[in-house]
Amino acid sequence: MSEALARSLVERALAGEASAVRRLVAALTPVIQARVARILMRCRSASRGREIRQEVEDLTQDVFVALLENDGRILRNWDPDRGMSLQNFAGLVAERQAISILRSGRRSPWTEDPTLSTDLDAGRTSRPPTPEGRVAGREFYDEILDRVRQALSPKGLQLFELIVLEERSVEEVCAEAGMTPDAVYAWRSRLMKLLRKLRADILSESTPPARMPV
């Protein structure tokens, strides 16, 4: 779907045009289902009897609700000028929504949290909120993704999605982005360093200054 067509479709759907809403749902359902299924499959434990297909369908509906509720507040945040396609934006929302639901335990068949990327999930804790705990879970995920978008070029964002969020193999990234394996490995190292730096920055900003003895 071209950027112009996607922008028009979103605008008409948010304006309440029924046919545009149906087309938007049809266009975004495959990527949302794929991202939700990937998160579910990362869970370390088995289901409690429900088929993953049913869970994917349920979580997909939750994602569409999140995108369109409150007059489409989340969907209105999509800005193609920032280098992310509508499909990838919806996929990112799907991952965050699925992770949030699984961690909260709402209607989840899983007994443990999904296993996320080490750098994205670092700092997670079950203890009461602390300065370090601020970087755990959804708050950390939201904040670090915002900073990643600000730090990277459109090409860098594409590679971040492929390498970190979608966890594609080197071969797949080479084919998708038209790059050599050496270039992909270099980008992967660069992205991991960026994630570690951003995490450290967030931790530093979250830690109150030490009080001087009196």
C-alpha atoms as a PDB file:
ATOM      1  CA  MET A   1       0.000   0.000   0.000  1.00  0.00           C
ATOM      2  CA  SER A   2       1.466   3.367  -0.997  1.00  0.00           C
ATOM      3  CA  GLU A   3       1.971   6.098   1.588  1.00  0.00           C
ATOM      4  CA  ALA A   4      -0.633   8.349  -0.056  1.00  0.00           C
ATOM      5  CA  LEU A   5      -3.216   5.561  -0.188  1.00  0.00           C
ATOM      6  CA  ALA A   6      -2.537   4.578   3.421  1.00  0.00           C
ATOM      7  CA  ARG A   7      -2.838   8.173   4.617  1.00  0.00           C
ATOM      8  CA  SER A   8      -6.123   8.617   2.755  1.00  0.00           C
ATOM      9  CA  LEU A   9      -7.485   5.333   4.058  1.00  0.00           C
ATOM     10  CA  VAL A  10      -6.675   6.238   7.659  1.00  0.00           C
ATOM     11  CA  GLU A  11      -8.238   9.680   7.324  1.00  0.00           C
ATOM     12  CA  ARG A  12     -11.457   8.279   5.847  1.00  0.00           C
ATOM     13  CA  ALA A  13     -11.638   5.496   8.431  1.00  0.00           C
ATOM     14  CA  LEU A  14     -11.188   7.951  11.302  1.00  0.00           C
ATOM     15  CA  ALA A  15     -13.873  10.130   9.765  1.00  0.00           C
ATOM     16  CA  GLY A  16     -16.276   7.217  10.167  1.00  0.00           C
ATOM     17  CA  GLU A  17     -16.515   5.961   6.586  1.00  0.00           C
ATOM     18  CA  ALA A  18     -17.644   2.341   6.994  1.00  0.00           C
ATOM     19  CA  SER A  19     -16.092   1.057   3.772  1.00  0.00           C
ATOM     20  CA  ALA A  20     -12.752   2.639   4.691  1.00  0.00           C
ATOM     21  CA  VAL A  21     -12.846   1.011   8.131  1.00  0.00           C
ATOM     22  CA  ARG A  22     -13.444  -2.385   6.504  1.00  0.00           C
ATOM     23  CA  ARG A  23     -10.565  -1.848   4.077  1.00  0.00           C
ATOM     24  CA  LEU A  24      -8.292  -0.699   6.885  1.00  0.00           C
ATOM     25  CA  VAL A  25      -9.100  -3.770   8.954  1.00  0.00           C
ATOM     26  CA  ALA A  26      -8.520  -6.048   5.955  1.00  0.00           C
ATOM     27  CA  ALA A  27      -5.177  -4.380   5.199  1.00  0.00           C
ATOM     28  CA  LEU A  28      -3.854  -4.481   8.760  1.00  0.00           C
ATOM     29  CA  THR A  29      -5.192  -7.819   9.981  1.00  0.00           C
ATOM     30  CA  PRO A  30      -2.394 -10.008   8.494  1.00  0.00           C
ATOM     31  CA  VAL A  31       0.474  -8.030  10.035  1.00  0.00           C
ATOM     32  CA  ILE A  32      -1.309  -7.656  13.378  1.00  0.00           C
ATOM     33  CA  GLN A  33      -2.036 -11.373  13.534  1.00  0.00           C
ATOM     34  CA  ALA A  34       1.571 -12.200  12.638  1.00  0.00           C
ATOM     35  CA  ARG A  35       3.017  -9.906  15.332  1.00  0.00           C
ATOM     36  CA  VAL A  36       0.563 -11.139  17.974  1.00  0.00           C
ATOM     37  CA  ALA A  37       1.333 -14.770  17.131  1.00  0.00           C
ATOM     38  CA  ARG A  38       5.069 -14.085  17.404  1.00  0.00           C
ATOM     39  CA  ILE A  39       4.629 -12.635  20.888  1.00  0.00           C
ATOM     40  CA  LEU A  40       2.486 -15.576  21.971  1.00  0.00           C
ATOM     41  CA  MET A  41       5.030 -18.068  20.667  1.00  0.00           C
ATOM     42  CA  ARG A  42       7.769 -16.379  22.675  1.00  0.00           C
ATOM     43  CA  CYS A  43       6.035 -17.351  25.884  1.00  0.00           C
ATOM     44  CA  ARG A  44       8.084 -19.919  27.703  1.00  0.00           C
ATOM     45  CA  SER A  45       5.232 -22.059  28.980  1.00  0.00           C
ATOM     46  CA  ALA A  46       2.465 -24.008  27.298  1.00  0.00           C
ATOM     47  CA  SER A  47      -1.123 -22.843  27.032  1.00  0.00           C
ATOM     48  CA  ARG A  48      -3.825 -23.862  29.436  1.00  0.00           C
ATOM     49  CA  GLY A  49      -5.835 -25.691  26.806  1.00  0.00           C
ATOM     50  CA  ARG A  50      -6.807 -22.894  24.431  1.00  0.00           C
ATOM     51  CA  GLU A  51      -5.568 -22.989  20.870  1.00  0.00           C
ATOM     52  CA  ILE A  52      -3.144 -20.248  19.948  1.00  0.00           C
ATOM     53  CA  ARG A  53      -5.344 -19.434  16.958  1.00  0.00           C
ATOM     54  CA  GLN A  54      -8.141 -18.376  19.290  1.00  0.00           C
ATOM     55  CA  GLU A  55      -5.755 -16.259  21.327  1.00  0.00           C
ATOM     56  CA  VAL A  56      -4.454 -14.595  18.162  1.00  0.00           C
ATOM     57  CA  GLU A  57      -8.001 -13.735  17.105  1.00  0.00           C
ATOM     58  CA  ASP A  58      -8.864 -12.332  20.526  1.00  0.00           C
ATOM     59  CA  LEU A  59      -5.696 -10.259  20.807  1.00  0.00           C
ATOM     60  CA  THR A  60      -6.104  -9.000  17.256  1.00  0.00           C
ATOM     61  CA  GLN A  61      -9.509  -7.619  18.210  1.00  0.00           C
ATOM     62  CA  ASP A  62      -7.934  -5.939  21.230  1.00  0.00           C
ATOM     63  CA  VAL A  63      -5.348  -4.298  18.992  1.00  0.00           C
ATOM     64  CA  PHE A  64      -8.005  -2.848  16.703  1.00  0.00           C
ATOM     65  CA  VAL A  65      -9.871  -1.534  19.723  1.00  0.00           C
ATOM     66  CA  ALA A  66      -6.660   0.125  20.938  1.00  0.00           C
ATOM     67  CA  LEU A  67      -6.023   1.660  17.509  1.00  0.00           C
ATOM     68  CA  LEU A  68      -9.516   3.090  17.089  1.00  0.00           C
ATOM     69  CA  GLU A  69     -10.717   3.935  20.583  1.00  0.00           C
ATOM     70  CA  ASN A  70     -10.798   7.518  21.852  1.00  0.00           C
ATOM     71  CA  ASP A  71     -11.417   8.834  18.346  1.00  0.00           C
ATOM     72  CA  GLY A  72      -8.466   6.865  17.006  1.00  0.00           C
ATOM     73  CA  ARG A  73      -5.953   8.576  19.278  1.00  0.00           C
ATOM     74  CA  ILE A  74      -3.253   5.938  18.762  1.00  0.00           C
ATOM     75  CA  LEU A  75      -3.839   5.587  15.039  1.00  0.00           C
ATOM     76  CA  ARG A  76      -3.617   9.365  14.636  1.00  0.00           C
ATOM     77  CA  ASN A  77      -0.067   9.153  15.990  1.00  0.00           C
ATOM     78  CA  TRP A  78       1.041   7.367  12.832  1.00  0.00           C
ATOM     79  CA  ASP A  79       3.182   9.726  10.797  1.00  0.00           C
ATOM     80  CA  PRO A  80       4.605   8.310   7.544  1.00  0.00           C
ATOM     81  CA  ASP A  81       7.129  11.147   7.460  1.00  0.00           C
ATOM     82  CA  ARG A  82       8.907   9.478  10.396  1.00  0.00           C
ATOM     83  CA  GLY A  83       9.852   6.551   8.180  1.00  0.00           C
ATOM     84  CA  MET A  84       7.462   3.847   9.389  1.00  0.00           C
ATOM     85  CA  SER A  85       4.819   2.325   7.147  1.00  0.00           C
ATOM     86  CA  LEU A  86       1.226   1.981   8.332  1.00  0.00           C
ATOM     87  CA  GLN A  87       1.596  -1.806   8.469  1.00  0.00           C
ATOM     88  CA  ASN A  88       4.733  -1.629  10.595  1.00  0.00           C
ATOM     89  CA  PHE A  89       3.167   0.980  12.873  1.00  0.00           C
ATOM     90  CA  ALA A  90       0.139  -1.271  13.407  1.00  0.00           C
ATOM     91  CA  GLY A  91       2.486  -4.213  13.979  1.00  0.00           C
ATOM     92  CA  LEU A  92       4.370  -2.275  16.636  1.00  0.00           C
ATOM     93  CA  VAL A  93       1.114  -1.380  18.384  1.00  0.00           C
ATOM     94  CA  ALA A  94       0.098  -5.048  18.171  1.00  0.00           C
ATOM     95  CA  GLU A  95       3.295  -6.183  19.894  1.00  0.00           C
ATOM     96  CA  ARG A  96       2.965  -3.628  22.669  1.00  0.00           C
ATOM     97  CA  GLN A  97      -0.712  -4.437  23.209  1.00  0.00           C
ATOM     98  CA  ALA A  98      -0.089  -8.182  23.288  1.00  0.00           C
ATOM     99  CA  ILE A  99       2.799  -7.783  25.731  1.00  0.00           C
ATOM    100  CA  SER A 100       0.699  -5.540  27.979  1.00  0.00           C
ATOM    101  CA  ILE A 101      -2.193  -8.007  28.039  1.00  0.00           C
ATOM    102  CA  LEU A 102       0.031 -11.012  28.677  1.00  0.00           C
ATOM    103  CA  ARG A 103       1.840  -9.285  31.520  1.00  0.00           C
ATOM    104  CA  SER A 104      -1.372  -8.102  33.139  1.00  0.00           C
ATOM    105  CA  GLY A 105      -2.799 -11.635  33.030  1.00  0.00           C
ATOM    106  CA  ARG A 106      -6.029 -10.481  31.374  1.00  0.00           C
ATOM    107  CA  ARG A 107      -7.563 -13.378  29.461  1.00  0.00           C
ATOM    108  CA  SER A 108      -4.148 -14.923  28.963  1.00  0.00           C
ATOM    109  CA  PRO A 109      -3.587 -18.676  28.587  1.00  0.00           C
ATOM    110  CA  TRP A 110       0.083 -18.340  29.399  1.00  0.00           C
ATOM    111  CA  THR A 111       1.668 -18.766  32.796  1.00  0.00           C
ATOM    112  CA  GLU A 112       4.781 -16.701  32.164  1.00  0.00           C
ATOM    113  CA  ASP A 113       5.633 -13.465  30.478  1.00  0.00           C
ATOM    114  CA  PRO A 114       6.841 -13.353  26.877  1.00  0.00           C
ATOM    115  CA  THR A 115      10.584 -13.510  26.378  1.00  0.00           C
ATOM    116  CA  LEU A 116      11.576 -10.196  24.826  1.00  0.00           C
ATOM    117  CA  SER A 117      14.846  -8.994  23.484  1.00  0.00           C
ATOM    118  CA  THR A 118      17.368  -8.811  26.320  1.00  0.00           C
ATOM    119  CA  ASP A 119      18.043  -5.134  25.847  1.00  0.00           C
ATOM    120  CA  LEU A 120      14.394  -4.173  25.479  1.00  0.00           C
ATOM    121  CA  ASP A 121      13.338  -6.198  28.500  1.00  0.00           C
ATOM    122  CA  ALA A 122      16.299  -5.478  30.766  1.00  0.00           C
ATOM    123  CA  GLY A 123      15.535  -4.016  34.152  1.00  0.00           C
ATOM    124  CA  ARG A 124      12.228  -5.822  34.584  1.00  0.00           C
ATOM    125  CA  THR A 125      11.295  -6.478  38.205  1.00  0.00           C
ATOM    126  CA  SER A 126       8.346  -7.672  40.261  1.00  0.00           C
ATOM    127  CA  ARG A 127       9.227  -5.426  43.195  1.00  0.00           C
ATOM    128  CA  PRO A 128       7.462  -2.117  43.949  1.00  0.00           C
ATOM    129  CA  PRO A 129       8.368   0.730  41.550  1.00  0.00           C
ATOM    130  CA  THR A 130      11.837   2.195  42.019  1.00  0.00           C
ATOM    131  CA  PRO A 131      13.951   4.462  39.805  1.00  0.00           C
ATOM    132  CA  GLU A 132      15.319   1.300  38.170  1.00  0.00           C
ATOM    133  CA  GLY A 133      11.833  -0.189  37.967  1.00  0.00           C
ATOM    134  CA  ARG A 134      10.693   2.749  35.871  1.00  0.00           C
ATOM    135  CA  VAL A 135      12.407   1.210  32.858  1.00  0.00           C
ATOM    136  CA  ALA A 136      10.520  -2.066  33.237  1.00  0.00           C
ATOM    137  CA  GLY A 137       7.618  -3.202  31.144  1.00  0.00           C
ATOM    138  CA  ARG A 138       5.495  -1.014  28.972  1.00  0.00           C
ATOM    139  CA  GLU A 139       6.791   2.338  30.215  1.00  0.00           C
ATOM    140  CA  PHE A 140      10.348   1.396  29.296  1.00  0.00           C
ATOM    141  CA  TYR A 141       9.219  -0.125  25.997  1.00  0.00           C
ATOM    142  CA  ASP A 142       7.329   3.039  25.030  1.00  0.00           C
ATOM    143  CA  GLU A 143      10.080   5.409  26.060  1.00  0.00           C
ATOM    144  CA  ILE A 144      12.944   3.573  24.434  1.00  0.00           C
ATOM    145  CA  LEU A 145      11.033   3.156  21.167  1.00  0.00           C
ATOM    146  CA  ASP A 146      10.324   6.885  21.081  1.00  0.00           C
ATOM    147  CA  ARG A 147      14.018   7.598  21.538  1.00  0.00           C
ATOM    148  CA  VAL A 148      15.011   5.039  18.938  1.00  0.00           C
ATOM    149  CA  ARG A 149      12.746   6.772  16.397  1.00  0.00           C
ATOM    150  CA  GLN A 150      14.357  10.124  17.186  1.00  0.00           C
ATOM    151  CA  ALA A 151      17.884   8.727  16.939  1.00  0.00           C
ATOM    152  CA  LEU A 152      17.626   6.768  13.684  1.00  0.00           C
ATOM    153  CA  SER A 153      17.210   7.671  10.055  1.00  0.00           C
ATOM    154  CA  PRO A 154      14.399   6.067   8.014  1.00  0.00           C
ATOM    155  CA  LYS A 155      16.894   3.414   6.887  1.00  0.00           C
ATOM    156  CA  GLY A 156      17.952   2.823  10.478  1.00  0.00           C
ATOM    157  CA  LEU A 157      14.319   2.469  11.554  1.00  0.00           C
ATOM    158  CA  GLN A 158      13.728  -0.110   8.844  1.00  0.00           C
ATOM    159  CA  LEU A 159      16.707  -2.120  10.063  1.00  0.00           C
ATOM    160  CA  PHE A 160      15.652  -1.729  13.694  1.00  0.00           C
ATOM    161  CA  GLU A 161      12.271  -3.230  12.822  1.00  0.00           C
ATOM    162  CA  LEU A 162      13.803  -6.097  10.869  1.00  0.00           C
ATOM    163  CA  ILE A 163      16.689  -6.927  13.209  1.00  0.00           C
ATOM    164  CA  VAL A 164      15.351  -6.117  16.673  1.00  0.00           C
ATOM    165  CA  LEU A 165      11.557  -6.106  16.573  1.00  0.00           C
ATOM    166  CA  GLU A 166      10.973  -8.815  13.983  1.00  0.00           C
ATOM    167  CA  GLU A 167      14.165 -10.744  14.785  1.00  0.00           C
ATOM    168  CA  ARG A 168      14.769 -11.612  11.130  1.00  0.00           C
ATOM    169  CA  SER A 169      17.763 -13.710  10.179  1.00  0.00           C
ATOM    170  CA  VAL A 170      20.760 -12.066   8.544  1.00  0.00           C
ATOM    171  CA  GLU A 171      19.800 -13.649   5.241  1.00  0.00           C
ATOM    172  CA  GLU A 172      16.271 -12.264   5.452  1.00  0.00           C
ATOM    173  CA  VAL A 173      17.520  -8.767   6.301  1.00  0.00           C
ATOM    174  CA  CYS A 174      19.970  -8.885   3.398  1.00  0.00           C
ATOM    175  CA  ALA A 175      17.174  -9.810   1.008  1.00  0.00           C
ATOM    176  CA  GLU A 176      14.720  -7.261   2.423  1.00  0.00           C
ATOM    177  CA  ALA A 177      17.103  -4.312   2.691  1.00  0.00           C
ATOM    178  CA  GLY A 178      19.496  -5.101  -0.181  1.00  0.00           C
ATOM    179  CA  MET A 179      22.551  -5.241   2.061  1.00  0.00           C
ATOM    180  CA  THR A 180      25.592  -7.467   2.505  1.00  0.00           C
ATOM    181  CA  PRO A 181      25.910  -9.736   5.566  1.00  0.00           C
ATOM    182  CA  ASP A 182      28.809  -7.645   6.874  1.00  0.00           C
ATOM    183  CA  ALA A 183      26.678  -4.514   6.712  1.00  0.00           C
ATOM    184  CA  VAL A 184      23.821  -6.238   8.544  1.00  0.00           C
ATOM    185  CA  TYR A 185      26.157  -7.473  11.295  1.00  0.00           C
ATOM    186  CA  ALA A 186      27.544  -3.946  11.635  1.00  0.00           C
ATOM    187  CA  TRP A 187      24.041  -2.512  11.938  1.00  0.00           C
ATOM    188  CA  ARG A 188      23.034  -5.149  14.476  1.00  0.00           C
ATOM    189  CA  SER A 189      26.032  -4.242  16.644  1.00  0.00           C
ATOM    190  CA  ARG A 190      25.240  -0.539  16.251  1.00  0.00           C
ATOM    191  CA  LEU A 191      21.594  -1.041  17.223  1.00  0.00           C
ATOM    192  CA  MET A 192      22.440  -3.088  20.296  1.00  0.00           C
ATOM    193  CA  LYS A 193      24.881  -0.388  21.425  1.00  0.00           C
ATOM    194  CA  LEU A 194      22.189   2.244  20.876  1.00  0.00           C
ATOM    195  CA  LEU A 195      19.661   0.274  22.943  1.00  0.00           C
ATOM    196  CA  ARG A 196      22.135  -0.133  25.786  1.00  0.00           C
ATOM    197  CA  LYS A 197      22.980   3.572  25.707  1.00  0.00           C
ATOM    198  CA  LEU A 198      19.327   4.609  25.690  1.00  0.00           C
ATOM    199  CA  ARG A 199      18.578   2.290  28.589  1.00  0.00           C
ATOM    200  CA  ALA A 200      21.473   3.753  30.553  1.00  0.00           C
ATOM    201  CA  ASP A 201      20.265   7.276  29.762  1.00  0.00           C
ATOM    202  CA  ILE A 202      16.751   6.476  30.982  1.00  0.00           C
ATOM    203  CA  LEU A 203      18.096   4.934  34.175  1.00  0.00           C
ATOM    204  CA  SER A 204      20.302   7.952  34.776  1.00  0.00           C
ATOM    205  CA  GLU A 205      17.432  10.377  34.265  1.00  0.00           C
ATOM    206  CA  SER A 206      15.209   8.303  36.550  1.00  0.00           C
ATOM    207  CA  THR A 207      17.667   8.221  39.464  1.00  0.00           C
ATOM    208  CA  PRO A 208      17.255  11.162  41.862  1.00  0.00           C
ATOM    209  CA  PRO A 209      20.421  13.091  42.712  1.00  0.00           C
ATOM    210  CA  ALA A 210      22.226  11.992  45.847  1.00  0.00           C
ATOM    211  CA  ARG A 211      21.498  14.136  48.896  1.00  0.00           C
ATOM    212  CA  MET A 212      24.463  15.887  50.426  1.00  0.00           C
ATOM    213  CA  PRO A 213      25.061  15.097  54.101  1.00  0.00           C
ATOM    214  CA  VAL A 214      24.207  17.900  56.468  1.00  0.00           C
END
